[in-house]
Amino acid sequence: MEVILLEISREFVRTVVFVLGPMVLASYVVGLRRADDPMALWGGIPESWRTLNVTCMFISAIGFLIVFQQLLFGWESSVVEGVGWPWSGEVSEGGHQRLLIAFLLVLIPSMFWLELTSLHIRTDAIWSQWLVIGCLWLVVTGNLLLMSFGWSAWQSDASGSSILPFVGASMLAIQVIINDGILWVWKYPW
């Protein structure tokens, strides 16, 4: 069976991130303004952890920018195009398509988690709880794919600074995987 890959260009991935990235930030502004009690969005995260958590948000944002800059501006397009997943073996194309999937899984659910959390606060239903958790874990999946892409690039020595996308994705993981996907879900008073 032959798999047909849709050709995704570097410019297309850049455009998607340039559009969706600000939409994520806008969703936070709108969501916080619309929330009856914005502090309720912290869930069960103790107040003593919040300064560290906000610091991790900035570290994660810097990590995201490192991944974005390195893979979509710093490296040659042909190098990125030839990067596969660690489990895919040798590849010669489809790197931008893989990168797009990872970015979409990070960005699109990130636009919705705050509004879904507000919905859960209003409804306090089991289905709304699972919508929030599912949304956060889609972002976790996207972050794991970004880390895998960075790892694969590093292992194949795709570029002279090939460790940077993996480092950037790992910085993003501090917030996405540890703080949101694990701690926030665990501490939230469902």
Foldseek 3Di string as FASTA:
>chain_A
DDDDDDDDFLVNLLVVCVVLVVLLVVLVVVLCVPFPDNVCLLAQDDPVCVVVLVVLVVLLVVLVVLLCCCLSPVDDRQLQQQFDFPPPPGGRGDSVVLLSQLVCLQRPLSSCLSVLVSVCVVVVDPVSLVVNLVSLVSNVVSLVSQLRRLVRCVVVVSDVPSNSSNVSSVSSCVNSPVVRNPVSNVRGPD
